[in-house]
């Protein structure tokens, strides 16, 4: 078993954004061979780490 324990993705976050920005973001993610969801999850994890740097439970 790997050292990092994967947490089950069991929630959704619905946001409203400008359609043109959404399309540009999704296109750029495609060009970079990643997904929009992956990049948003990465942003959220980084944001949490930066603002709660004492929490050991964050992966």
N, C-alpha and C. Protein backbone atom coordinates (compact mmCIF):
# COMPACT_ATOMS: atom_id res chain seq x y z
N UNK A 1 0.84 -1.18 0.00
CA UNK A 1 0.00 0.00 0.00
C UNK A 1 0.89 1.24 0.00
N UNK A 2 0.49 2.28 -0.70
CA UNK A 2 1.31 3.48 -0.80
C UNK A 2 1.32 4.25 0.51
N UNK A 3 2.35 5.10 0.67
CA UNK A 3 2.48 5.90 1.89
C UNK A 3 1.35 6.91 2.00
N UNK A 4 0.98 7.50 0.89
CA UNK A 4 -0.12 8.47 0.90
C UNK A 4 -1.44 7.73 0.81
N UNK A 5 -2.29 7.97 1.76
CA UNK A 5 -3.60 7.34 1.74
C UNK A 5 -4.55 8.25 0.97
N UNK A 6 -5.11 7.73 -0.12
CA UNK A 6 -6.02 8.53 -0.92
C UNK A 6 -7.36 8.67 -0.22
N UNK A 7 -7.84 9.89 -0.20
CA UNK A 7 -9.15 10.15 0.39
C UNK A 7 -10.20 10.06 -0.71
N UNK A 8 -11.32 9.47 -0.38
CA UNK A 8 -12.41 9.32 -1.34
C UNK A 8 -13.00 10.69 -1.68
N UNK A 9 -13.22 10.90 -2.95
CA UNK A 9 -13.84 12.14 -3.40
C UNK A 9 -15.35 11.94 -3.32
N UNK A 10 -15.96 12.53 -2.30
CA UNK A 10 -17.38 12.28 -2.07
C UNK A 10 -18.22 13.55 -2.01
N UNK A 11 -17.64 14.69 -2.39
CA UNK A 11 -18.38 15.95 -2.34
C UNK A 11 -18.16 16.73 -3.62
N UNK A 12 -19.08 17.64 -3.87
CA UNK A 12 -18.97 18.51 -5.03
C UNK A 12 -19.01 19.96 -4.57
N UNK A 13 -18.40 20.82 -5.37
CA UNK A 13 -18.43 22.25 -5.13
C UNK A 13 -18.92 22.90 -6.42
N UNK A 14 -20.06 23.51 -6.36
CA UNK A 14 -20.63 24.15 -7.53
C UNK A 14 -20.29 25.63 -7.48
N UNK A 15 -19.66 26.13 -8.54
CA UNK A 15 -19.32 27.55 -8.60
C UNK A 15 -19.84 28.14 -9.90
N UNK A 16 -20.10 29.42 -9.88
CA UNK A 16 -20.52 30.13 -11.08
C UNK A 16 -19.35 31.00 -11.54
N UNK A 17 -18.97 30.81 -12.80
CA UNK A 17 -17.89 31.61 -13.37
C UNK A 17 -18.28 32.04 -14.77
N UNK A 18 -17.56 33.01 -15.27
CA UNK A 18 -17.76 33.51 -16.61
C UNK A 18 -17.51 32.38 -17.62
N UNK A 19 -18.41 32.20 -18.56
CA UNK A 19 -18.31 31.12 -19.53
C UNK A 19 -17.04 31.17 -20.37
N UNK A 20 -16.63 32.37 -20.75
CA UNK A 20 -15.42 32.51 -21.56
C UNK A 20 -14.19 32.09 -20.77
N UNK A 21 -14.13 32.51 -19.49
CA UNK A 21 -13.00 32.11 -18.65
C UNK A 21 -12.99 30.61 -18.42
N UNK A 22 -14.17 30.03 -18.23
CA UNK A 22 -14.27 28.58 -18.05
C UNK A 22 -13.72 27.86 -19.28
N UNK A 23 -14.15 28.29 -20.45
CA UNK A 23 -13.70 27.66 -21.69
C UNK A 23 -12.19 27.79 -21.87
N UNK A 24 -11.65 28.96 -21.56
CA UNK A 24 -10.20 29.16 -21.66
C UNK A 24 -9.46 28.26 -20.69
N UNK A 25 -9.98 28.15 -19.47
CA UNK A 25 -9.35 27.32 -18.45
C UNK A 25 -9.35 25.85 -18.87
N UNK A 26 -10.50 25.36 -19.33
CA UNK A 26 -10.60 23.96 -19.75
C UNK A 26 -9.69 23.70 -20.95
N UNK A 27 -9.65 24.62 -21.90
CA UNK A 27 -8.77 24.45 -23.06
C UNK A 27 -7.30 24.41 -22.65
N UNK A 28 -6.92 25.30 -21.76
CA UNK A 28 -5.53 25.32 -21.29
C UNK A 28 -5.20 24.03 -20.54
N UNK A 29 -6.12 23.56 -19.73
CA UNK A 29 -5.89 22.29 -19.03
C UNK A 29 -5.69 21.16 -20.03
N UNK A 30 -6.50 21.13 -21.08
CA UNK A 30 -6.35 20.11 -22.12
C UNK A 30 -4.97 20.20 -22.78
N UNK A 31 -4.55 21.42 -23.08
CA UNK A 31 -3.23 21.62 -23.70
C UNK A 31 -2.11 21.13 -22.79
N UNK A 32 -2.31 21.27 -21.49
CA UNK A 32 -1.29 20.88 -20.51
C UNK A 32 -1.46 19.43 -20.05
N UNK A 33 -2.36 18.70 -20.70
CA UNK A 33 -2.62 17.29 -20.40
C UNK A 33 -3.00 17.07 -18.95
N UNK A 34 -3.92 17.90 -18.48
CA UNK A 34 -4.46 17.76 -17.13
C UNK A 34 -5.95 18.02 -17.22
N UNK A 35 -6.64 17.90 -16.10
CA UNK A 35 -8.08 18.18 -16.11
C UNK A 35 -8.36 19.41 -15.27
N UNK A 36 -9.45 20.07 -15.57
CA UNK A 36 -9.85 21.24 -14.79
C UNK A 36 -10.08 20.83 -13.34
N UNK A 37 -10.72 19.71 -13.12
CA UNK A 37 -10.99 19.25 -11.75
C UNK A 37 -9.70 19.01 -10.99
N UNK A 38 -8.72 18.40 -11.63
CA UNK A 38 -7.44 18.14 -10.97
C UNK A 38 -6.77 19.44 -10.56
N UNK A 39 -6.78 20.43 -11.44
CA UNK A 39 -6.13 21.71 -11.14
C UNK A 39 -6.87 22.46 -10.05
N UNK A 40 -8.18 22.38 -10.03
CA UNK A 40 -8.94 23.05 -8.96
C UNK A 40 -8.70 22.36 -7.63
N UNK A 41 -8.66 21.01 -7.63
CA UNK A 41 -8.34 20.29 -6.39
C UNK A 41 -6.95 20.67 -5.89
N UNK A 42 -5.99 20.77 -6.82
CA UNK A 42 -4.62 21.15 -6.45
C UNK A 42 -4.62 22.55 -5.83
N UNK A 43 -5.37 23.47 -6.44
CA UNK A 43 -5.46 24.83 -5.90
C UNK A 43 -6.03 24.82 -4.48
N UNK A 44 -7.10 24.07 -4.28
CA UNK A 44 -7.75 24.02 -2.96
C UNK A 44 -6.79 23.47 -1.91
N UNK A 45 -6.09 22.38 -2.23
CA UNK A 45 -5.14 21.79 -1.28
C UNK A 45 -4.03 22.77 -0.93
N UNK A 46 -3.50 23.46 -1.94
CA UNK A 46 -2.44 24.44 -1.71
C UNK A 46 -2.95 25.60 -0.87
N UNK A 47 -4.12 26.08 -1.18
CA UNK A 47 -4.73 27.19 -0.44
C UNK A 47 -4.90 26.82 1.03
N UNK A 48 -5.40 25.62 1.28
CA UNK A 48 -5.59 25.17 2.66
C UNK A 48 -4.25 25.08 3.38
N UNK A 49 -3.26 24.49 2.73
CA UNK A 49 -1.93 24.37 3.35
C UNK A 49 -1.36 25.74 3.71
N UNK A 50 -1.50 26.69 2.80
CA UNK A 50 -0.94 28.02 3.03
C UNK A 50 -1.62 28.75 4.18
N UNK A 51 -2.87 28.44 4.42
CA UNK A 51 -3.62 29.16 5.44
C UNK A 51 -3.79 28.37 6.74
N UNK A 52 -3.46 27.10 6.72
CA UNK A 52 -3.53 26.25 7.91
C UNK A 52 -2.29 25.37 7.96
N UNK A 53 -1.13 25.98 8.04
CA UNK A 53 0.12 25.23 7.94
C UNK A 53 0.42 24.36 9.16
N UNK A 54 -0.38 24.40 10.20
CA UNK A 54 -0.15 23.55 11.37
C UNK A 54 -1.01 22.29 11.37
N UNK A 55 -1.84 22.10 10.37
CA UNK A 55 -2.76 20.97 10.34
C UNK A 55 -2.08 19.79 9.66
N UNK A 56 -1.75 18.74 10.42
CA UNK A 56 -1.04 17.58 9.90
C UNK A 56 -1.93 16.64 9.11
N UNK A 57 -3.24 16.77 9.20
CA UNK A 57 -4.15 15.85 8.51
C UNK A 57 -4.30 16.16 7.03
N UNK A 58 -3.81 17.29 6.57
CA UNK A 58 -3.97 17.66 5.17
C UNK A 58 -2.93 16.95 4.33
N UNK A 59 -3.36 16.50 3.18
CA UNK A 59 -2.47 15.77 2.29
C UNK A 59 -2.05 16.64 1.13
